[in-house]
Amino acid sequence: MSGNFTQRGEPAVWDKWVRTRAALLGGASLVLELPFAYATQSAEGFAEGGVAILDALNCVDALSFGVETTDLAALSQAASLLSAEPNGFQAALKTGLGAGLSFPVARAQALTACLPATDAATWQQPNNILAIEYLKAIIRRGSALRPLPIERLGGGYSESVLTPGYASARAIRAAIKKGDASYLRYIPNAEAVPSIDPVFGEALFPLLMFQLRRRDTAKIGNIYGVAEGLEYRICEAAKKAQGYEDLVTAIASKRYPRSRIQRILLYCLFGITREQMYMLTGSPLYARVLGVRRDALGLLSRLAAESAVPIVTKASEFPESPLLDMDILATDIYSLLTKKIAPGKRDFTQRLLII
């Protein structure tokens, strides 16, 4: 599970321990934290981190993920092609990018050019995109993880209103933001919903503007993800923006969609340069356990015995790690986003959740 910040480039609505408790009450046996450096990346980086950790545990045999299409053969074919990137694919991708298309759209069209029996729309579906990245990571690592795709039902990923059956996460977040309690019908265990105030992207704005306005274009140009002169667009927007939504909208474009801009702005807030991100993702892995069900404590013991990477249940007892240090910083920054500022260094004081 992502920690306090997500792949959307925004803070999680509730902190990682609240969400861990919800997951355990919802039936999960054990919850691991995906480090910030992976959780806030594009689908490729997100999947790479998740597969790397699960593969290193040496006791996980399958990886289940949501998809819009359950055709595992087609997804695997796309993943294999993207892993190899033959000349035909590279040429088609270059053509799309040269025409000003965003990377996801250009890649989808290039995939269809190489796999004519498929539809470009299939490769632009968000769950399919992440599914392909999971499969790529499995291929790249030579992992024995068995993919188990599950068809997405109900509201689509981009659906912003609650729909009958299953609602999208976006729709649930929108309802929470509006104070519409009807979202509780879509929560597996309403008891897991906390009484504390939720956090949204707008809470980032003051801290973010402080960082943007104290940096010049050269410094912003070194931030991870910034390219093609985007630093000038960011600096210009930071001069005028009156709110988080205003800032993101002013920077986003056909080439740089909102989700990518939000991630880049998050890197600006944390001051993460290209070199630092490469250092973080090149650091030794570990598996941080946030919570476990009491009836699954045997699983925790098995992880400790079989894992090829350290199992972390107490941050204070783990040697210094750039990856973990960034997660600790993320928690400290998240604590500043709540209406009532929370104490710092909670990663050292919060006990392992056992329910």
Protein backbone atom coordinates (compact mmCIF):
# COMPACT_ATOMS: atom_id res chain seq x y z
CA MET A 1 0.00 0.00 0.00
CA SER A 2 1.18 3.55 -0.72
CA GLY A 3 2.19 5.51 2.35
CA ASN A 4 1.04 9.06 3.05
CA PHE A 5 1.43 10.22 -0.56
CA THR A 6 0.08 8.52 -3.64
CA GLN A 7 0.71 7.97 -7.33
CA ARG A 8 -1.70 10.84 -8.02
CA GLY A 9 0.98 13.15 -6.65
CA GLU A 10 -1.31 14.12 -3.78
CA PRO A 11 -1.55 13.31 -0.08
CA ALA A 12 -3.67 10.32 0.82
CA VAL A 13 -7.10 11.29 2.15
CA TRP A 14 -6.20 9.60 5.46
CA ASP A 15 -2.80 8.63 6.78
CA LYS A 16 -1.20 5.26 6.19
CA TRP A 17 -2.12 3.84 9.61
CA VAL A 18 -5.80 4.74 9.23
CA ARG A 19 -5.80 3.05 5.83
CA THR A 20 -3.87 0.06 7.16
CA ARG A 21 -6.52 -0.45 9.83
CA ALA A 22 -9.23 -0.21 7.18
CA ALA A 23 -7.45 -2.80 5.03
CA LEU A 24 -7.10 -5.21 7.94
CA LEU A 25 -10.74 -4.77 8.94
CA GLY A 26 -11.61 -5.35 5.29
CA GLY A 27 -9.93 -8.76 5.32
CA ALA A 28 -6.27 -8.16 4.47
CA SER A 29 -3.94 -10.37 6.49
CA LEU A 30 -0.90 -8.10 6.40
CA VAL A 31 -0.14 -4.64 4.99
CA LEU A 32 3.25 -3.58 3.61
CA GLU A 33 4.16 0.01 2.78
CA LEU A 34 5.36 0.79 -0.74
CA PRO A 35 8.17 3.35 -0.20
CA PHE A 36 7.50 6.96 -1.21
CA ALA A 37 10.14 6.81 -3.95
CA TYR A 38 8.09 4.14 -5.76
CA ALA A 39 4.56 5.02 -4.65
CA THR A 40 4.73 8.51 -6.15
CA GLN A 41 6.12 7.51 -9.54
CA SER A 42 4.43 6.73 -12.82
CA ALA A 43 2.90 3.29 -13.31
CA GLU A 44 6.28 1.86 -14.34
CA GLY A 45 8.10 2.93 -11.18
CA PHE A 46 5.12 2.06 -8.97
CA ALA A 47 4.94 -1.47 -10.38
CA GLU A 48 8.70 -1.99 -10.26
CA GLY A 49 8.81 -1.20 -6.55
CA GLY A 50 5.85 -3.40 -5.71
CA VAL A 51 7.06 -6.41 -7.68
CA ALA A 52 10.62 -6.04 -6.37
CA ILE A 53 9.47 -6.15 -2.75
CA LEU A 54 6.96 -8.97 -3.20
CA ASP A 55 9.47 -11.03 -5.19
CA ALA A 56 12.11 -10.60 -2.50
CA LEU A 57 9.81 -11.95 0.23
CA ASN A 58 10.29 -15.47 -1.18
CA CYS A 59 6.86 -16.60 0.00
CA VAL A 60 4.49 -14.81 -2.41
CA ASP A 61 3.34 -16.89 -5.37
CA ALA A 62 0.80 -14.61 -7.08
CA LEU A 63 0.16 -10.94 -7.77
CA SER A 64 -3.46 -9.86 -8.23
CA PHE A 65 -4.39 -6.56 -9.86
CA GLY A 66 -7.40 -4.85 -11.41
CA VAL A 67 -7.88 -4.59 -15.17
CA GLU A 68 -10.42 -3.26 -17.62
CA THR A 69 -9.76 -6.25 -19.89
CA THR A 70 -9.28 -9.78 -18.54
CA ASP A 71 -7.41 -10.95 -21.65
CA LEU A 72 -4.18 -11.88 -19.89
CA ALA A 73 -2.65 -13.13 -23.14
CA ALA A 74 -3.09 -9.72 -24.79
CA LEU A 75 -1.77 -7.91 -21.72
CA SER A 76 1.24 -10.23 -21.60
CA GLN A 77 1.87 -9.71 -25.32
CA ALA A 78 1.86 -5.95 -24.81
CA ALA A 79 4.18 -6.27 -21.81
CA SER A 80 6.63 -8.40 -23.78
CA LEU A 81 6.63 -5.93 -26.65
CA LEU A 82 7.20 -2.99 -24.32
CA SER A 83 10.01 -4.86 -22.59
CA ALA A 84 11.77 -5.48 -25.91
CA GLU A 85 10.85 -2.16 -27.58
CA PRO A 86 11.55 -3.28 -31.17
CA ASN A 87 12.45 -0.72 -33.83
CA GLY A 88 8.91 -0.55 -35.19
CA PHE A 89 7.53 0.34 -31.79
CA GLN A 90 10.21 2.95 -31.14
CA ALA A 91 9.55 4.59 -34.49
CA ALA A 92 5.79 4.73 -33.89
CA LEU A 93 6.31 6.12 -30.38
CA LYS A 94 8.67 8.80 -31.68
CA THR A 95 6.11 9.82 -34.28
CA GLY A 96 3.38 10.19 -31.66
CA LEU A 97 5.55 12.19 -29.29
CA GLY A 98 6.69 14.37 -32.18
CA ALA A 99 3.03 15.14 -32.90
CA GLY A 100 2.66 16.50 -29.36
CA LEU A 101 0.83 13.53 -27.86
CA SER A 102 1.29 12.73 -24.18
CA PHE A 103 3.48 9.71 -23.50
CA PRO A 104 0.57 7.39 -22.50
CA VAL A 105 -1.40 8.23 -25.66
CA ALA A 106 1.64 7.97 -27.92
CA ARG A 107 2.57 4.63 -26.38
CA ALA A 108 -0.98 3.29 -26.77
CA GLN A 109 -1.00 4.21 -30.45
CA ALA A 110 2.44 2.67 -30.95
CA LEU A 111 1.26 -0.54 -29.28
CA THR A 112 -1.74 -0.72 -31.60
CA ALA A 113 0.53 -0.16 -34.61
CA CYS A 114 2.57 -3.19 -33.54
CA LEU A 115 -0.43 -5.23 -32.36
CA PRO A 116 -3.06 -4.42 -35.02
CA ALA A 117 -5.62 -6.83 -33.57
CA THR A 118 -5.93 -4.57 -30.53
CA ASP A 119 -7.59 -1.22 -29.90
CA ALA A 120 -5.56 1.81 -28.75
CA ALA A 121 -8.29 2.62 -26.21
CA THR A 122 -7.50 -0.67 -24.44
CA TRP A 123 -3.94 0.45 -23.76
CA GLN A 124 -5.08 3.82 -22.40
CA GLN A 125 -7.28 2.34 -19.67
CA PRO A 126 -5.60 3.17 -16.32
CA ASN A 127 -5.87 -0.28 -14.76
CA ASN A 128 -4.61 -1.92 -17.94
CA ILE A 129 -1.65 0.48 -17.98
CA LEU A 130 -0.64 -0.52 -14.45
CA ALA A 131 -1.31 -4.20 -15.18
CA ILE A 132 1.10 -4.09 -18.13
CA GLU A 133 3.73 -2.48 -15.92
CA TYR A 134 3.32 -5.25 -13.34
CA LEU A 135 3.80 -7.81 -16.10
CA LYS A 136 6.83 -5.94 -17.44
CA ALA A 137 8.38 -5.90 -13.97
CA ILE A 138 7.76 -9.64 -13.61
CA ILE A 139 9.41 -10.25 -17.00
CA ARG A 140 12.33 -7.93 -16.27
CA ARG A 141 13.07 -9.56 -12.93
CA GLY A 142 12.51 -13.11 -14.15
CA SER A 143 10.05 -13.41 -11.28
CA ALA A 144 7.97 -16.51 -10.64
CA LEU A 145 5.02 -14.37 -9.49
CA ARG A 146 1.83 -15.57 -11.16
CA PRO A 147 -0.38 -12.72 -12.46
CA LEU A 148 -4.05 -12.86 -11.43
CA PRO A 149 -6.03 -10.10 -13.19
CA ILE A 150 -9.43 -9.12 -11.78
CA GLU A 151 -11.92 -7.28 -13.98
CA ARG A 152 -12.85 -3.80 -12.79
CA LEU A 153 -16.60 -3.46 -12.24
CA GLY A 154 -18.82 -0.44 -11.59
CA GLY A 155 -17.66 3.15 -11.96
CA GLY A 156 -14.69 3.77 -14.23
CA TYR A 157 -11.40 5.13 -12.93
CA SER A 158 -12.25 8.67 -14.06
CA GLU A 159 -15.86 8.57 -12.84
CA SER A 160 -16.31 11.43 -10.37
CA VAL A 161 -19.82 10.59 -9.11
CA LEU A 162 -20.98 7.64 -7.05
CA THR A 163 -22.55 4.91 -9.19
CA PRO A 164 -24.62 1.85 -8.23
CA GLY A 165 -22.63 -1.23 -7.30
CA TYR A 166 -18.98 -0.28 -7.13
CA ALA A 167 -17.82 3.34 -7.08
CA SER A 168 -14.45 4.63 -8.25
CA ALA A 169 -11.90 5.86 -5.73
CA ARG A 170 -12.14 9.28 -7.35
CA ALA A 171 -15.90 9.39 -6.77
CA ILE A 172 -15.48 8.31 -3.15
CA ARG A 173 -12.84 11.00 -2.56
CA ALA A 174 -15.13 13.60 -4.14
CA ALA A 175 -17.99 12.55 -1.86
CA ILE A 176 -15.76 12.71 1.22
CA LYS A 177 -14.63 16.18 0.18
CA LYS A 178 -18.23 17.36 -0.17
CA GLY A 179 -19.25 15.82 3.14
CA ASP A 180 -21.60 13.43 1.34
CA ALA A 181 -21.89 10.48 3.74
CA SER A 182 -23.49 8.28 1.08
CA TYR A 183 -19.98 7.09 0.20
CA LEU A 184 -20.14 4.89 3.31
CA ARG A 185 -22.32 2.46 1.35
CA TYR A 186 -19.28 1.69 -0.79
CA ILE A 187 -16.89 1.02 2.10
CA PRO A 188 -16.50 -2.68 3.07
CA ASN A 189 -16.34 -1.82 6.77
CA ALA A 190 -17.76 1.57 7.78
CA GLU A 191 -16.20 1.13 11.23
CA ALA A 192 -12.83 1.71 9.58
CA VAL A 193 -13.76 5.30 8.64
CA PRO A 194 -12.04 7.67 11.08
CA SER A 195 -13.53 10.71 12.74
CA ILE A 196 -10.48 12.81 11.85
CA ASP A 197 -10.63 15.33 9.02
CA PRO A 198 -9.51 14.12 5.57
CA VAL A 199 -6.60 15.67 3.65
CA PHE A 200 -6.71 16.80 0.01
CA GLY A 201 -4.28 18.24 -2.51
CA GLU A 202 -5.20 21.82 -1.67
CA ALA A 203 -3.44 21.41 1.68
CA LEU A 204 -0.13 21.22 -0.19
CA PHE A 205 -0.47 24.71 -1.67
CA PRO A 206 1.19 26.94 1.00
CA LEU A 207 4.17 24.61 1.47
CA LEU A 208 4.47 24.07 -2.26
CA MET A 209 4.42 27.78 -3.09
CA PHE A 210 7.12 28.39 -0.48
CA GLN A 211 9.36 25.89 -2.24
CA LEU A 212 8.57 27.05 -5.77
CA ARG A 213 9.04 30.75 -5.08
CA ARG A 214 12.38 30.25 -3.38
CA ARG A 215 13.80 28.33 -6.33
CA ASP A 216 14.86 29.70 -9.72
CA THR A 217 14.36 27.93 -13.03
CA ALA A 218 17.79 26.28 -12.85
CA LYS A 219 16.98 24.58 -9.54
CA ILE A 220 13.51 23.54 -10.65
CA GLY A 221 15.03 22.24 -13.87
CA ASN A 222 17.00 19.71 -11.81
CA ILE A 223 13.89 18.29 -10.15
CA TYR A 224 13.04 14.71 -11.10
CA GLY A 225 10.54 14.60 -13.96
CA VAL A 226 11.13 18.17 -15.16
CA ALA A 227 12.16 18.28 -18.83
CA GLU A 228 11.68 20.14 -22.10
CA GLY A 229 11.68 23.57 -20.45
CA LEU A 230 8.83 22.72 -18.08
CA GLU A 231 10.66 24.62 -15.33
CA TYR A 232 9.75 27.93 -17.01
CA ARG A 233 6.08 27.00 -17.09
CA ILE A 234 6.20 26.00 -13.42
CA CYS A 235 7.93 29.22 -12.33
CA GLU A 236 5.49 31.36 -14.29
CA ALA A 237 2.49 29.56 -12.81
CA ALA A 238 3.92 29.91 -9.30
CA LYS A 239 3.94 33.70 -9.70
CA LYS A 240 0.20 33.89 -10.27
CA ALA A 241 -1.53 30.82 -8.84
CA GLN A 242 -4.16 31.49 -6.17
CA GLY A 243 -4.68 27.87 -5.18
CA TYR A 244 -3.55 24.29 -5.80
CA GLU A 245 -6.09 23.66 -8.55
CA ASP A 246 -5.13 26.93 -10.21
CA LEU A 247 -1.44 25.97 -10.11
CA VAL A 248 -1.90 22.48 -11.55
CA THR A 249 -4.25 23.68 -14.30
CA ALA A 250 -1.84 26.43 -15.35
CA ILE A 251 1.02 23.96 -15.81
CA ALA A 252 -0.80 20.93 -17.24
CA SER A 253 -0.99 20.50 -21.00
CA LYS A 254 -1.74 17.90 -23.64
CA ARG A 255 1.85 16.69 -23.34
CA TYR A 256 1.94 16.89 -19.53
CA PRO A 257 -1.35 15.60 -18.03
CA ARG A 258 -2.49 16.54 -14.53
CA SER A 259 -1.31 13.38 -12.83
CA ARG A 260 2.22 13.86 -14.10
CA ILE A 261 2.25 17.53 -13.11
CA GLN A 262 0.98 16.69 -9.62
CA ARG A 263 3.81 14.17 -9.19
CA ILE A 264 6.38 16.70 -10.39
CA LEU A 265 5.02 19.32 -7.99
CA LEU A 266 5.33 16.79 -5.18
CA TYR A 267 8.98 16.26 -6.11
CA CYS A 268 9.39 20.05 -6.04
CA LEU A 269 7.95 20.12 -2.53
CA PHE A 270 10.36 17.41 -1.36
CA GLY A 271 13.25 18.82 -3.40
CA ILE A 272 13.88 15.48 -5.11
CA THR A 273 16.36 15.86 -7.97
CA ARG A 274 17.01 13.31 -10.73
CA GLU A 275 20.19 12.20 -9.00
CA GLN A 276 18.42 11.76 -5.68
CA MET A 277 15.60 9.70 -7.19
CA TYR A 278 18.09 7.41 -8.93
CA MET A 279 19.92 7.04 -5.62
CA LEU A 280 16.68 6.27 -3.77
CA THR A 281 15.47 3.64 -6.22
CA GLY A 282 18.95 2.14 -6.30
CA SER A 283 19.05 1.80 -2.51
CA PRO A 284 18.72 -1.61 -0.81
CA LEU A 285 15.11 -2.68 -0.41
CA TYR A 286 13.28 -3.62 2.76
CA ALA A 287 9.68 -4.61 3.56
CA ARG A 288 7.98 -2.26 6.02
CA VAL A 289 5.06 -3.93 7.78
CA LEU A 290 2.40 -1.42 8.84
CA GLY A 291 -0.10 -3.86 10.26
CA VAL A 292 -1.12 -7.49 10.57
CA ARG A 293 -4.18 -9.40 11.72
CA ARG A 294 -3.71 -11.28 14.96
CA ASP A 295 -4.71 -14.53 13.26
CA ALA A 296 -1.98 -13.96 10.65
CA LEU A 297 0.98 -13.42 12.98
CA GLY A 298 2.37 -16.68 11.69
CA LEU A 299 2.74 -15.01 8.29
CA LEU A 300 4.91 -12.33 9.88
CA SER A 301 7.15 -15.04 11.31
CA ARG A 302 7.36 -16.69 7.91
CA LEU A 303 8.41 -13.42 6.29
CA ALA A 304 11.16 -12.96 8.84
CA ALA A 305 12.44 -16.47 8.12
CA GLU A 306 12.23 -16.51 4.32
CA SER A 307 12.58 -12.93 3.04
CA ALA A 308 15.70 -11.90 1.15
CA VAL A 309 15.24 -8.31 2.36
CA PRO A 310 14.92 -7.01 5.94
CA ILE A 311 11.44 -7.04 7.47
CA VAL A 312 10.87 -3.74 9.26
CA THR A 313 8.28 -3.52 12.03
CA LYS A 314 9.99 -0.73 14.01
CA ALA A 315 11.62 2.15 12.14
CA SER A 316 13.82 2.91 15.14
CA GLU A 317 15.44 -0.54 14.95
CA PHE A 318 16.29 -0.39 11.24
CA PRO A 319 19.72 0.89 10.11
CA GLU A 320 19.80 4.20 8.27
CA SER A 321 18.21 3.85 4.83
CA PRO A 322 17.67 6.60 2.22
CA LEU A 323 14.37 4.97 1.23
CA LEU A 324 13.10 4.81 4.81
CA ASP A 325 14.39 8.31 5.58
CA MET A 326 12.25 9.65 2.72
CA ASP A 327 9.20 7.83 4.11
CA ILE A 328 9.85 9.38 7.52
CA LEU A 329 10.09 12.84 5.92
CA ALA A 330 6.86 12.15 4.02
CA THR A 331 5.08 11.38 7.29
CA ASP A 332 6.44 14.56 8.87
CA ILE A 333 5.26 16.68 5.94
CA TYR A 334 1.87 14.94 5.93
CA SER A 335 1.49 15.85 9.61
CA LEU A 336 1.57 19.53 8.58
CA LEU A 337 -1.35 19.10 6.17
CA THR A 338 -4.02 18.18 8.70
CA LYS A 339 -6.25 20.87 10.24
CA LYS A 340 -4.68 20.15 13.60
CA ILE A 341 -0.95 19.79 13.02
CA ALA A 342 0.18 16.40 14.29
CA PRO A 343 3.43 15.67 16.16
CA GLY A 344 6.49 14.82 14.08
CA LYS A 345 8.46 11.58 13.81
CA ARG A 346 5.35 9.44 14.10
CA ASP A 347 7.13 6.63 12.26
CA PHE A 348 9.13 6.14 15.46
CA THR A 349 6.21 6.31 17.88
CA GLN A 350 3.42 4.48 16.05
CA ARG A 351 3.30 0.82 17.03
CA LEU A 352 2.73 -1.99 14.59
CA LEU A 353 -1.04 -2.33 14.14
CA ILE A 354 -2.33 -5.74 15.24
CA ILE A 355 -6.09 -6.32 15.19
